[in-house]
Amino acid sequence: MGQRIQNVLRRAKFAAAGGAVGGALGGVVGRNAASTGAGIGALVGATLAETVAPRDSLLKQVRGGGSDSDAG
């Protein structure tokens, strides 16, 4: 359950950062572009979080920080 919460929080953080960057870049063009840029940036951020998560767990296992249930 703790891992699931961590995944949700990671996805939310990346989506928020992506939305902020996309909104800022779109804001240079105009109001509608800022809205669209924020939406696309949030989607990219959430997708990136899903890509980063497996790498983080792999690094933990390689470094010896894997959970006991993995040993089984």
Protein backbone atom coordinates (compact mmCIF):
# COMPACT_ATOMS: atom_id res chain seq x y z
CA MET A 1 0.00 0.00 0.00
CA GLY A 2 2.86 2.38 0.76
CA GLN A 3 4.34 1.86 -2.68
CA ARG A 4 1.01 2.71 -4.29
CA ILE A 5 0.83 6.00 -2.38
CA GLN A 6 4.41 6.82 -3.37
CA ASN A 7 3.54 6.22 -7.02
CA VAL A 8 0.51 8.51 -6.79
CA LEU A 9 2.53 11.26 -5.12
CA ARG A 10 5.36 10.95 -7.64
CA ARG A 11 2.87 11.14 -10.52
CA ALA A 12 1.21 14.21 -8.97
CA LYS A 13 4.54 15.99 -8.46
CA PHE A 14 5.67 15.38 -12.00
CA ALA A 15 2.27 16.38 -13.40
CA ALA A 16 2.32 19.62 -11.40
CA ALA A 17 5.83 20.48 -12.56
CA GLY A 18 4.98 19.62 -16.16
CA GLY A 19 1.83 21.70 -16.01
CA ALA A 20 3.72 24.68 -14.65
CA VAL A 21 6.39 24.49 -17.33
CA GLY A 22 3.85 23.95 -20.11
CA GLY A 23 1.70 26.81 -18.86
CA ALA A 24 4.67 29.14 -18.67
CA LEU A 25 5.80 28.29 -22.18
CA GLY A 26 2.29 28.59 -23.57
CA GLY A 27 1.78 31.85 -21.71
CA VAL A 28 4.36 33.46 -23.92
CA VAL A 29 1.99 32.95 -26.85
CA GLY A 30 -1.35 33.70 -25.23
CA ARG A 31 -4.03 32.70 -22.74
CA ASN A 32 -5.42 29.78 -24.74
CA ALA A 33 -1.93 28.48 -25.44
CA ALA A 34 -1.12 28.66 -21.73
CA SER A 35 -4.11 26.49 -20.91
CA THR A 36 -3.28 23.97 -23.60
CA GLY A 37 0.39 23.96 -22.68
CA ALA A 38 -0.42 23.32 -19.03
CA GLY A 39 -2.63 20.39 -19.92
CA ILE A 40 -0.10 18.85 -22.25
CA GLY A 41 2.72 19.50 -19.77
CA ALA A 42 0.79 17.76 -17.00
CA LEU A 43 0.18 14.76 -19.23
CA VAL A 44 3.85 14.59 -20.17
CA GLY A 45 4.85 14.93 -16.51
CA ALA A 46 2.58 12.11 -15.38
CA THR A 47 3.85 9.90 -18.20
CA LEU A 48 7.43 10.71 -17.26
CA ALA A 49 6.70 9.74 -13.65
CA GLU A 50 5.51 6.32 -14.83
CA THR A 51 8.76 5.93 -16.77
CA VAL A 52 10.98 7.01 -13.86
CA ALA A 53 9.33 4.78 -11.24
CA PRO A 54 10.56 1.43 -12.59
CA ARG A 55 14.08 2.82 -12.86
CA ASP A 56 14.01 3.95 -9.21
CA SER A 57 12.92 0.53 -7.99
CA LEU A 58 15.58 -1.14 -10.15
CA LEU A 59 18.28 1.09 -8.68
CA LYS A 60 17.11 0.21 -5.15
CA GLN A 61 17.37 -3.49 -5.94
CA VAL A 62 20.83 -3.13 -7.48
CA ARG A 63 22.09 -1.14 -4.50
CA GLY A 64 20.71 -3.71 -2.06
CA GLY A 65 17.70 -1.73 -0.87
CA GLY A 66 15.07 -4.06 -2.31
CA SER A 67 12.21 -5.24 -0.12
CA ASP A 68 12.16 -8.64 1.59
CA SER A 69 9.25 -9.81 -0.56
CA ASP A 70 11.50 -9.58 -3.64
CA ALA A 71 13.89 -12.14 -2.17
CA GLY A 72 11.27 -14.80 -2.11
